[in-house]
């Protein structure tokens, strides 16, 4: 899972939700991953 931050807005993208970025934008992202269960996208 990742949680993206854009200003005060947050977006979660994970196995149940995909993310669409229709333009050039910077997102500050928090990534949830472990060696046993890595983040893959």
ModelCIF file with pLDDT and N, C-alpha, C, O atoms, coordinates in Angstrom:
data_MODEL
#
_entry.id   MODEL 
#
_entity.id                         1 
_entity.type                       polymer 
_entity.pdbx_number_of_molecules   1 
#
_entity_poly.entity_id                      1 
_entity_poly.type                           'polypeptide(L)' 
_entity_poly.nstd_linkage                   no 
_entity_poly.nstd_monomer                   no 
_entity_poly.pdbx_seq_one_letter_code       
;(UNK)(UNK)(UNK)(UNK)(UNK)(UNK)(UNK)(UNK)(UNK)(UNK)(UNK)(UNK)(UNK)(UNK)(UNK)(UNK)
(UNK)(UNK)(UNK)(UNK)(UNK)(UNK)(UNK)(UNK)(UNK)(UNK)(UNK)(UNK)(UNK)(UNK)(UNK)(UNK)
(UNK)(UNK)(UNK)(UNK)(UNK)(UNK)(UNK)(UNK)(UNK)
;
_entity_poly.pdbx_seq_one_letter_code_can   XXXXXXXXXXXXXXXXXXXXXXXXXXXXXXXXXXXXXXXXX 
_entity_poly.pdbx_strand_id                 A 
#
loop_
_entity_poly_seq.entity_id 
_entity_poly_seq.num 
_entity_poly_seq.mon_id 
_entity_poly_seq.hetero 
1 1  UNK n 
1 2  UNK n 
1 3  UNK n 
1 4  UNK n 
1 5  UNK n 
1 6  UNK n 
1 7  UNK n 
1 8  UNK n 
1 9  UNK n 
1 10 UNK n 
1 11 UNK n 
1 12 UNK n 
1 13 UNK n 
1 14 UNK n 
1 15 UNK n 
1 16 UNK n 
1 17 UNK n 
1 18 UNK n 
1 19 UNK n 
1 20 UNK n 
1 21 UNK n 
1 22 UNK n 
1 23 UNK n 
1 24 UNK n 
1 25 UNK n 
1 26 UNK n 
1 27 UNK n 
1 28 UNK n 
1 29 UNK n 
1 30 UNK n 
1 31 UNK n 
1 32 UNK n 
1 33 UNK n 
1 34 UNK n 
1 35 UNK n 
1 36 UNK n 
1 37 UNK n 
1 38 UNK n 
1 39 UNK n 
1 40 UNK n 
1 41 UNK n 
#
_struct_asym.id          A 
_struct_asym.entity_id   1 
#
loop_
_ma_qa_metric.id 
_ma_qa_metric.mode 
_ma_qa_metric.name 
_ma_qa_metric.software_group_id 
_ma_qa_metric.type 
1 global pLDDT . pLDDT 
2 local  pLDDT . pLDDT 
#
_ma_qa_metric_global.metric_id      1 
_ma_qa_metric_global.metric_value   93.54 
_ma_qa_metric_global.model_id       1 
_ma_qa_metric_global.ordinal_id     1 
#
loop_
_ma_qa_metric_local.label_asym_id 
_ma_qa_metric_local.label_comp_id 
_ma_qa_metric_local.label_seq_id 
_ma_qa_metric_local.metric_id 
_ma_qa_metric_local.metric_value 
_ma_qa_metric_local.model_id 
_ma_qa_metric_local.ordinal_id 
A UNK 1  2 96.00 1 1  
A UNK 2  2 96.00 1 2  
A UNK 3  2 96.00 1 3  
A UNK 4  2 94.00 1 4  
A UNK 5  2 92.00 1 5  
A UNK 6  2 90.00 1 6  
A UNK 7  2 85.00 1 7  
A UNK 8  2 87.00 1 8  
A UNK 9  2 90.00 1 9  
A UNK 10 2 92.00 1 10 
A UNK 11 2 93.00 1 11 
A UNK 12 2 95.00 1 12 
A UNK 13 2 96.00 1 13 
A UNK 14 2 96.00 1 14 
A UNK 15 2 94.00 1 15 
A UNK 16 2 96.00 1 16 
A UNK 17 2 97.00 1 17 
A UNK 18 2 97.00 1 18 
A UNK 19 2 96.00 1 19 
A UNK 20 2 96.00 1 20 
A UNK 21 2 93.00 1 21 
A UNK 22 2 89.00 1 22 
A UNK 23 2 88.00 1 23 
A UNK 24 2 88.00 1 24 
A UNK 25 2 90.00 1 25 
A UNK 26 2 89.00 1 26 
A UNK 27 2 91.00 1 27 
A UNK 28 2 91.00 1 28 
A UNK 29 2 95.00 1 29 
A UNK 30 2 95.00 1 30 
A UNK 31 2 96.00 1 31 
A UNK 32 2 96.00 1 32 
A UNK 33 2 96.00 1 33 
A UNK 34 2 95.00 1 34 
A UNK 35 2 94.00 1 35 
A UNK 36 2 94.00 1 36 
A UNK 37 2 94.00 1 37 
A UNK 38 2 96.00 1 38 
A UNK 39 2 97.00 1 39 
A UNK 40 2 97.00 1 40 
A UNK 41 2 97.00 1 41 
#
loop_
_atom_site.group_PDB 
_atom_site.id 
_atom_site.type_symbol 
_atom_site.label_atom_id 
_atom_site.label_alt_id 
_atom_site.label_comp_id 
_atom_site.label_asym_id 
_atom_site.label_entity_id 
_atom_site.label_seq_id 
_atom_site.pdbx_PDB_ins_code 
_atom_site.Cartn_x 
_atom_site.Cartn_y 
_atom_site.Cartn_z 
_atom_site.occupancy 
_atom_site.B_iso_or_equiv 
_atom_site.pdbx_formal_charge 
_atom_site.auth_seq_id 
_atom_site.auth_comp_id 
_atom_site.auth_asym_id 
_atom_site.auth_atom_id 
_atom_site.pdbx_PDB_model_num 
ATOM 1   N N  . UNK A 1 1  ? 0.834  -1.200  0.000   1.00 96.00 ? 1  UNK A N  1 
ATOM 2   C CA . UNK A 1 1  ? 0.000  0.000   0.000   1.00 96.00 ? 1  UNK A CA 1 
ATOM 3   C C  . UNK A 1 1  ? 0.866  1.246   0.000   1.00 96.00 ? 1  UNK A C  1 
ATOM 4   O O  . UNK A 1 1  ? 1.946  1.279   0.591   1.00 96.00 ? 1  UNK A O  1 
ATOM 5   N N  . UNK A 1 2  ? 0.363  2.279   -0.682  1.00 96.00 ? 2  UNK A N  1 
ATOM 6   C CA . UNK A 1 2  ? 0.952  3.600   -0.598  1.00 96.00 ? 2  UNK A CA 1 
ATOM 7   C C  . UNK A 1 2  ? -0.125 4.607   -0.224  1.00 96.00 ? 2  UNK A C  1 
ATOM 8   O O  . UNK A 1 2  ? -1.286 4.461   -0.607  1.00 96.00 ? 2  UNK A O  1 
ATOM 9   N N  . UNK A 1 3  ? 0.270  5.628   0.528   1.00 96.00 ? 3  UNK A N  1 
ATOM 10  C CA . UNK A 1 3  ? -0.608 6.755   0.797   1.00 96.00 ? 3  UNK A CA 1 
ATOM 11  C C  . UNK A 1 3  ? 0.073  7.993   0.237   1.00 96.00 ? 3  UNK A C  1 
ATOM 12  O O  . UNK A 1 3  ? 1.163  8.364   0.673   1.00 96.00 ? 3  UNK A O  1 
ATOM 13  N N  . UNK A 1 4  ? -0.580 8.635   -0.738  1.00 94.00 ? 4  UNK A N  1 
ATOM 14  C CA . UNK A 1 4  ? -0.027 9.825   -1.365  1.00 94.00 ? 4  UNK A CA 1 
ATOM 15  C C  . UNK A 1 4  ? -0.576 11.081  -0.718  1.00 94.00 ? 4  UNK A C  1 
ATOM 16  O O  . UNK A 1 4  ? -1.762 11.156  -0.395  1.00 94.00 ? 4  UNK A O  1 
ATOM 17  N N  . UNK A 1 5  ? 0.291  12.068  -0.531  1.00 92.00 ? 5  UNK A N  1 
ATOM 18  C CA . UNK A 1 5  ? -0.100 13.337  0.079   1.00 92.00 ? 5  UNK A CA 1 
ATOM 19  C C  . UNK A 1 5  ? 0.118  14.461  -0.929  1.00 92.00 ? 5  UNK A C  1 
ATOM 20  O O  . UNK A 1 5  ? 1.217  14.625  -1.459  1.00 92.00 ? 5  UNK A O  1 
ATOM 21  N N  . UNK A 1 6  ? -0.924 15.225  -1.188  1.00 90.00 ? 6  UNK A N  1 
ATOM 22  C CA . UNK A 1 6  ? -0.840 16.398  -2.047  1.00 90.00 ? 6  UNK A CA 1 
ATOM 23  C C  . UNK A 1 6  ? -1.500 17.537  -1.296  1.00 90.00 ? 6  UNK A C  1 
ATOM 24  O O  . UNK A 1 6  ? -2.726 17.638  -1.244  1.00 90.00 ? 6  UNK A O  1 
ATOM 25  N N  . UNK A 1 7  ? -0.661 18.404  -0.709  1.00 85.00 ? 7  UNK A N  1 
ATOM 26  C CA . UNK A 1 7  ? -1.196 19.413  0.189   1.00 85.00 ? 7  UNK A CA 1 
ATOM 27  C C  . UNK A 1 7  ? -1.827 18.743  1.386   1.00 85.00 ? 7  UNK A C  1 
ATOM 28  O O  . UNK A 1 7  ? -1.192 17.919  2.044   1.00 85.00 ? 7  UNK A O  1 
ATOM 29  N N  . UNK A 1 8  ? -3.067 19.084  1.676   1.00 87.00 ? 8  UNK A N  1 
ATOM 30  C CA . UNK A 1 8  ? -3.785 18.481  2.796   1.00 87.00 ? 8  UNK A CA 1 
ATOM 31  C C  . UNK A 1 8  ? -4.595 17.262  2.373   1.00 87.00 ? 8  UNK A C  1 
ATOM 32  O O  . UNK A 1 8  ? -5.274 16.647  3.196   1.00 87.00 ? 8  UNK A O  1 
ATOM 33  N N  . UNK A 1 9  ? -4.526 16.917  1.105   1.00 90.00 ? 9  UNK A N  1 
ATOM 34  C CA . UNK A 1 9  ? -5.284 15.785  0.574   1.00 90.00 ? 9  UNK A CA 1 
ATOM 35  C C  . UNK A 1 9  ? -4.470 14.492  0.634   1.00 90.00 ? 9  UNK A C  1 
ATOM 36  O O  . UNK A 1 9  ? -3.258 14.508  0.419   1.00 90.00 ? 9  UNK A O  1 
ATOM 37  N N  . UNK A 1 10 ? -5.126 13.395  0.921   1.00 92.00 ? 10 UNK A N  1 
ATOM 38  C CA . UNK A 1 10 ? -4.468 12.084  0.931   1.00 92.00 ? 10 UNK A CA 1 
ATOM 39  C C  . UNK A 1 10 ? -5.229 11.122  0.027   1.00 92.00 ? 10 UNK A C  1 
ATOM 40  O O  . UNK A 1 10 ? -6.457 11.154  -0.049  1.00 92.00 ? 10 UNK A O  1 
ATOM 41  N N  . UNK A 1 11 ? -4.471 10.266  -0.658  1.00 93.00 ? 11 UNK A N  1 
ATOM 42  C CA . UNK A 1 11 ? -5.069 9.246   -1.513  1.00 93.00 ? 11 UNK A CA 1 
ATOM 43  C C  . UNK A 1 11 ? -4.401 7.916   -1.216  1.00 93.00 ? 11 UNK A C  1 
ATOM 44  O O  . UNK A 1 11 ? -3.175 7.825   -1.166  1.00 93.00 ? 11 UNK A O  1 
ATOM 45  N N  . UNK A 1 12 ? -5.204 6.893   -1.021  1.00 95.00 ? 12 UNK A N  1 
ATOM 46  C CA . UNK A 1 12 ? -4.682 5.550   -0.776  1.00 95.00 ? 12 UNK A CA 1 
ATOM 47  C C  . UNK A 1 12 ? -4.774 4.740   -2.056  1.00 95.00 ? 12 UNK A C  1 
ATOM 48  O O  . UNK A 1 12 ? -5.830 4.673   -2.684  1.00 95.00 ? 12 UNK A O  1 
ATOM 49  N N  . UNK A 1 13 ? -3.660 4.124   -2.441  1.00 96.00 ? 13 UNK A N  1 
ATOM 50  C CA . UNK A 1 13 ? -3.715 3.188   -3.556  1.00 96.00 ? 13 UNK A CA 1 
ATOM 51  C C  . UNK A 1 13 ? -3.074 1.884   -3.117  1.00 96.00 ? 13 UNK A C  1 
ATOM 52  O O  . UNK A 1 13 ? -1.934 1.834   -2.655  1.00 96.00 ? 13 UNK A O  1 
ATOM 53  N N  . UNK A 1 14 ? -3.867 0.830   -3.286  1.00 96.00 ? 14 UNK A N  1 
ATOM 54  C CA . UNK A 1 14 ? -3.495 -0.486  -2.784  1.00 96.00 ? 14 UNK A CA 1 
ATOM 55  C C  . UNK A 1 14 ? -4.098 -1.544  -3.704  1.00 96.00 ? 14 UNK A C  1 
ATOM 56  O O  . UNK A 1 14 ? -4.402 -1.266  -4.864  1.00 96.00 ? 14 UNK A O  1 
ATOM 57  N N  . UNK A 1 15 ? -4.269 -2.745  -3.187  1.00 94.00 ? 15 UNK A N  1 
ATOM 58  C CA . UNK A 1 15 ? -4.787 -3.845  -4.019  1.00 94.00 ? 15 UNK A CA 1 
ATOM 59  C C  . UNK A 1 15 ? -6.256 -3.657  -4.407  1.00 94.00 ? 15 UNK A C  1 
ATOM 60  O O  . UNK A 1 15 ? -6.763 -4.349  -5.290  1.00 94.00 ? 15 UNK A O  1 
ATOM 61  N N  . UNK A 1 16 ? -6.928 -2.724  -3.747  1.00 96.00 ? 16 UNK A N  1 
ATOM 62  C CA . UNK A 1 16 ? -8.343 -2.488  -4.042  1.00 96.00 ? 16 UNK A CA 1 
ATOM 63  C C  . UNK A 1 16 ? -8.609 -1.159  -4.737  1.00 96.00 ? 16 UNK A C  1 
ATOM 64  O O  . UNK A 1 16 ? -9.721 -0.897  -5.194  1.00 96.00 ? 16 UNK A O  1 
ATOM 65  N N  . UNK A 1 17 ? -7.579 -0.324  -4.811  1.00 97.00 ? 17 UNK A N  1 
ATOM 66  C CA . UNK A 1 17 ? -7.740 1.008   -5.387  1.00 97.00 ? 17 UNK A CA 1 
ATOM 67  C C  . UNK A 1 17 ? -6.527 1.360   -6.233  1.00 97.00 ? 17 UNK A C  1 
ATOM 68  O O  . UNK A 1 17 ? -5.390 1.300   -5.767  1.00 97.00 ? 17 UNK A O  1 
ATOM 69  N N  . UNK A 1 18 ? -6.784 1.728   -7.479  1.00 97.00 ? 18 UNK A N  1 
ATOM 70  C CA . UNK A 1 18 ? -5.685 2.160   -8.344  1.00 97.00 ? 18 UNK A CA 1 
ATOM 71  C C  . UNK A 1 18 ? -5.595 3.686   -8.346  1.00 97.00 ? 18 UNK A C  1 
ATOM 72  O O  . UNK A 1 18 ? -6.533 4.375   -7.946  1.00 97.00 ? 18 UNK A O  1 
ATOM 73  N N  . UNK A 1 19 ? -4.468 4.195   -8.798  1.00 96.00 ? 19 UNK A N  1 
ATOM 74  C CA . UNK A 1 19 ? -4.224 5.635   -8.831  1.00 96.00 ? 19 UNK A CA 1 
ATOM 75  C C  . UNK A 1 19 ? -4.058 6.081   -10.276 1.00 96.00 ? 19 UNK A C  1 
ATOM 76  O O  . UNK A 1 19 ? -3.380 5.420   -11.062 1.00 96.00 ? 19 UNK A O  1 
ATOM 77  N N  . UNK A 1 20 ? -4.684 7.211   -10.625 1.00 96.00 ? 20 UNK A N  1 
ATOM 78  C CA . UNK A 1 20 ? -4.525 7.807   -11.946 1.00 96.00 ? 20 UNK A CA 1 
ATOM 79  C C  . UNK A 1 20 ? -3.996 9.226   -11.770 1.00 96.00 ? 20 UNK A C  1 
ATOM 80  O O  . UNK A 1 20 ? -4.572 10.026  -11.032 1.00 96.00 ? 20 UNK A O  1 
ATOM 81  N N  . UNK A 1 21 ? -2.896 9.529   -12.454 1.00 93.00 ? 21 UNK A N  1 
ATOM 82  C CA . UNK A 1 21 ? -2.317 10.878  -12.436 1.00 93.00 ? 21 UNK A CA 1 
ATOM 83  C C  . UNK A 1 21 ? -2.373 11.398  -13.867 1.00 93.00 ? 21 UNK A C  1 
ATOM 84  O O  . UNK A 1 21 ? -1.512 11.050  -14.676 1.00 93.00 ? 21 UNK A O  1 
ATOM 85  N N  . UNK A 1 22 ? -3.374 12.231  -14.202 1.00 89.00 ? 22 UNK A N  1 
ATOM 86  C CA . UNK A 1 22 ? -3.562 12.651  -15.588 1.00 89.00 ? 22 UNK A CA 1 
ATOM 87  C C  . UNK A 1 22 ? -2.665 13.796  -16.024 1.00 89.00 ? 22 UNK A C  1 
ATOM 88  O O  . UNK A 1 22 ? -2.776 14.259  -17.160 1.00 89.00 ? 22 UNK A O  1 
ATOM 89  N N  . UNK A 1 23 ? -1.775 14.267  -15.150 1.00 88.00 ? 23 UNK A N  1 
ATOM 90  C CA . UNK A 1 23 ? -0.867 15.350  -15.492 1.00 88.00 ? 23 UNK A CA 1 
ATOM 91  C C  . UNK A 1 23 ? 0.428  15.162  -14.712 1.00 88.00 ? 23 UNK A C  1 
ATOM 92  O O  . UNK A 1 23 ? 0.578  14.163  -14.008 1.00 88.00 ? 23 UNK A O  1 
ATOM 93  N N  . UNK A 1 24 ? 1.357  16.089  -14.821 1.00 88.00 ? 24 UNK A N  1 
ATOM 94  C CA . UNK A 1 24 ? 2.613  16.003  -14.074 1.00 88.00 ? 24 UNK A CA 1 
ATOM 95  C C  . UNK A 1 24 ? 2.394  16.550  -12.675 1.00 88.00 ? 24 UNK A C  1 
ATOM 96  O O  . UNK A 1 24 ? 2.068  17.726  -12.509 1.00 88.00 ? 24 UNK A O  1 
ATOM 97  N N  . UNK A 1 25 ? 2.573  15.698  -11.660 1.00 90.00 ? 25 UNK A N  1 
ATOM 98  C CA . UNK A 1 25 ? 2.332  16.128  -10.285 1.00 90.00 ? 25 UNK A CA 1 
ATOM 99  C C  . UNK A 1 25 ? 3.293  15.437  -9.318  1.00 90.00 ? 25 UNK A C  1 
ATOM 100 O O  . UNK A 1 25 ? 3.620  14.264  -9.497  1.00 90.00 ? 25 UNK A O  1 
ATOM 101 N N  . UNK A 1 26 ? 3.744  16.165  -8.291  1.00 89.00 ? 26 UNK A N  1 
ATOM 102 C CA . UNK A 1 26 ? 4.559  15.540  -7.240  1.00 89.00 ? 26 UNK A CA 1 
ATOM 103 C C  . UNK A 1 26 ? 3.679  15.066  -6.088  1.00 89.00 ? 26 UNK A C  1 
ATOM 104 O O  . UNK A 1 26 ? 2.859  15.825  -5.571  1.00 89.00 ? 26 UNK A O  1 
ATOM 105 N N  . UNK A 1 27 ? 3.853  13.816  -5.692  1.00 91.00 ? 27 UNK A N  1 
ATOM 106 C CA . UNK A 1 27 ? 3.140  13.282  -4.542  1.00 91.00 ? 27 UNK A CA 1 
ATOM 107 C C  . UNK A 1 27 ? 4.151  12.844  -3.493  1.00 91.00 ? 27 UNK A C  1 
ATOM 108 O O  . UNK A 1 27 ? 5.122  12.154  -3.804  1.00 91.00 ? 27 UNK A O  1 
ATOM 109 N N  . UNK A 1 28 ? 3.918  13.245  -2.257  1.00 91.00 ? 28 UNK A N  1 
ATOM 110 C CA . UNK A 1 28 ? 4.735  12.750  -1.156  1.00 91.00 ? 28 UNK A CA 1 
ATOM 111 C C  . UNK A 1 28 ? 4.091  11.459  -0.681  1.00 91.00 ? 28 UNK A C  1 
ATOM 112 O O  . UNK A 1 28 ? 2.974  11.466  -0.163  1.00 91.00 ? 28 UNK A O  1 
ATOM 113 N N  . UNK A 1 29 ? 4.800  10.352  -0.859  1.00 95.00 ? 29 UNK A N  1 
ATOM 114 C CA . UNK A 1 29 ? 4.195  9.035   -0.680  1.00 95.00 ? 29 UNK A CA 1 
ATOM 115 C C  . UNK A 1 29 ? 4.776  8.283   0.509   1.00 95.00 ? 29 UNK A C  1 
ATOM 116 O O  . UNK A 1 29 ? 5.991  8.228   0.697   1.00 95.00 ? 29 UNK A O  1 
ATOM 117 N N  . UNK A 1 30 ? 3.891  7.711   1.301   1.00 95.00 ? 30 UNK A N  1 
ATOM 118 C CA . UNK A 1 30 ? 4.254  6.818   2.404   1.00 95.00 ? 30 UNK A CA 1 
ATOM 119 C C  . UNK A 1 30 ? 4.035  5.394   1.909   1.00 95.00 ? 30 UNK A C  1 
ATOM 120 O O  . UNK A 1 30 ? 2.935  5.035   1.487   1.00 95.00 ? 30 UNK A O  1 
ATOM 121 N N  . UNK A 1 31 ? 5.101  4.580   1.965   1.00 96.00 ? 31 UNK A N  1 
ATOM 122 C CA . UNK A 1 31 ? 5.046  3.233   1.396   1.00 96.00 ? 31 UNK A CA 1 
ATOM 123 C C  . UNK A 1 31 ? 5.043  2.189   2.507   1.00 96.00 ? 31 UNK A C  1 
ATOM 124 O O  . UNK A 1 31 ? 5.882  2.215   3.408   1.00 96.00 ? 31 UNK A O  1 
ATOM 125 N N  . UNK A 1 32 ? 4.085  1.272   2.427   1.00 96.00 ? 32 UNK A N  1 
ATOM 126 C CA . UNK A 1 32 ? 3.991  0.186   3.406   1.00 96.00 ? 32 UNK A CA 1 
ATOM 127 C C  . UNK A 1 32 ? 4.515  -1.098  2.753   1.00 96.00 ? 32 UNK A C  1 
ATOM 128 O O  . UNK A 1 32 ? 3.913  -1.620  1.814   1.00 96.00 ? 32 UNK A O  1 
ATOM 129 N N  . UNK A 1 33 ? 5.635  -1.592  3.260   1.00 96.00 ? 33 UNK A N  1 
ATOM 130 C CA . UNK A 1 33 ? 6.262  -2.782  2.685   1.00 96.00 ? 33 UNK A CA 1 
ATOM 131 C C  . UNK A 1 33 ? 7.190  -3.426  3.709   1.00 96.00 ? 33 UNK A C  1 
ATOM 132 O O  . UNK A 1 33 ? 7.704  -2.758  4.605   1.00 96.00 ? 33 UNK A O  1 
ATOM 133 N N  . UNK A 1 34 ? 7.396  -4.737  3.562   1.00 95.00 ? 34 UNK A N  1 
ATOM 134 C CA . UNK A 1 34 ? 8.361  -5.480  4.372   1.00 95.00 ? 34 UNK A CA 1 
ATOM 135 C C  . UNK A 1 34 ? 9.101  -6.448  3.451   1.00 95.00 ? 34 UNK A C  1 
ATOM 136 O O  . UNK A 1 34 ? 8.698  -6.656  2.306   1.00 95.00 ? 34 UNK A O  1 
ATOM 137 N N  . UNK A 1 35 ? 10.171 -7.030  3.952   1.00 94.00 ? 35 UNK A N  1 
ATOM 138 C CA . UNK A 1 35 ? 10.898 -8.029  3.164   1.00 94.00 ? 35 UNK A CA 1 
ATOM 139 C C  . UNK A 1 35 ? 10.023 -9.251  2.898   1.00 94.00 ? 35 UNK A C  1 
ATOM 140 O O  . UNK A 1 35 ? 10.112 -9.877  1.842   1.00 94.00 ? 35 UNK A O  1 
ATOM 141 N N  . UNK A 1 36 ? 9.176  -9.580  3.876   1.00 94.00 ? 36 UNK A N  1 
ATOM 142 C CA . UNK A 1 36 ? 8.286  -10.736 3.715   1.00 94.00 ? 36 UNK A CA 1 
ATOM 143 C C  . UNK A 1 36 ? 7.142  -10.428 2.744   1.00 94.00 ? 36 UNK A C  1 
ATOM 144 O O  . UNK A 1 36 ? 6.669  -11.311 2.030   1.00 94.00 ? 36 UNK A O  1 
ATOM 145 N N  . UNK A 1 37 ? 6.709  -9.174  2.727   1.00 94.00 ? 37 UNK A N  1 
ATOM 146 C CA . UNK A 1 37 ? 5.607  -8.766  1.845   1.00 94.00 ? 37 UNK A CA 1 
ATOM 147 C C  . UNK A 1 37 ? 5.938  -7.414  1.219   1.00 94.00 ? 37 UNK A C  1 
ATOM 148 O O  . UNK A 1 37 ? 5.437  -6.381  1.663   1.00 94.00 ? 37 UNK A O  1 
ATOM 149 N N  . UNK A 1 38 ? 6.787  -7.423  0.183   1.00 96.00 ? 38 UNK A N  1 
ATOM 150 C CA . UNK A 1 38 ? 7.202  -6.160  -0.448  1.00 96.00 ? 38 UNK A CA 1 
ATOM 151 C C  . UNK A 1 38 ? 6.068  -5.452  -1.170  1.00 96.00 ? 38 UNK A C  1 
ATOM 152 O O  . UNK A 1 38 ? 5.065  -6.059  -1.546  1.00 96.00 ? 38 UNK A O  1 
ATOM 153 N N  . UNK A 1 39 ? 6.254  -4.155  -1.352  1.00 97.00 ? 39 UNK A N  1 
ATOM 154 C CA . UNK A 1 39 ? 5.320  -3.383  -2.173  1.00 97.00 ? 39 UNK A CA 1 
ATOM 155 C C  . UNK A 1 39 ? 5.673  -3.622  -3.634  1.00 97.00 ? 39 UNK A C  1 
ATOM 156 O O  . UNK A 1 39 ? 6.827  -3.470  -4.033  1.00 97.00 ? 39 UNK A O  1 
ATOM 157 N N  . UNK A 1 40 ? 4.668  -4.000  -4.437  1.00 97.00 ? 40 UNK A N  1 
ATOM 158 C CA . UNK A 1 40 ? 4.870  -4.254  -5.864  1.00 97.00 ? 40 UNK A CA 1 
ATOM 159 C C  . UNK A 1 40 ? 3.759  -3.557  -6.646  1.00 97.00 ? 40 UNK A C  1 
ATOM 160 O O  . UNK A 1 40 ? 2.584  -3.664  -6.295  1.00 97.00 ? 40 UNK A O  1 
ATOM 161 N N  . UNK A 1 41 ? 4.134  -2.850  -7.696  1.00 97.00 ? 41 UNK A N  1 
ATOM 162 C CA . UNK A 1 41 ? 3.114  -2.201  -8.512  1.00 97.00 ? 41 UNK A CA 1 
ATOM 163 C C  . UNK A 1 41 ? 3.522  -2.182  -9.976  1.00 97.00 ? 41 UNK A C  1 
ATOM 164 O O  . UNK A 1 41 ? 2.781  -1.672  -10.817 1.00 97.00 ? 41 UNK A O  1 
#
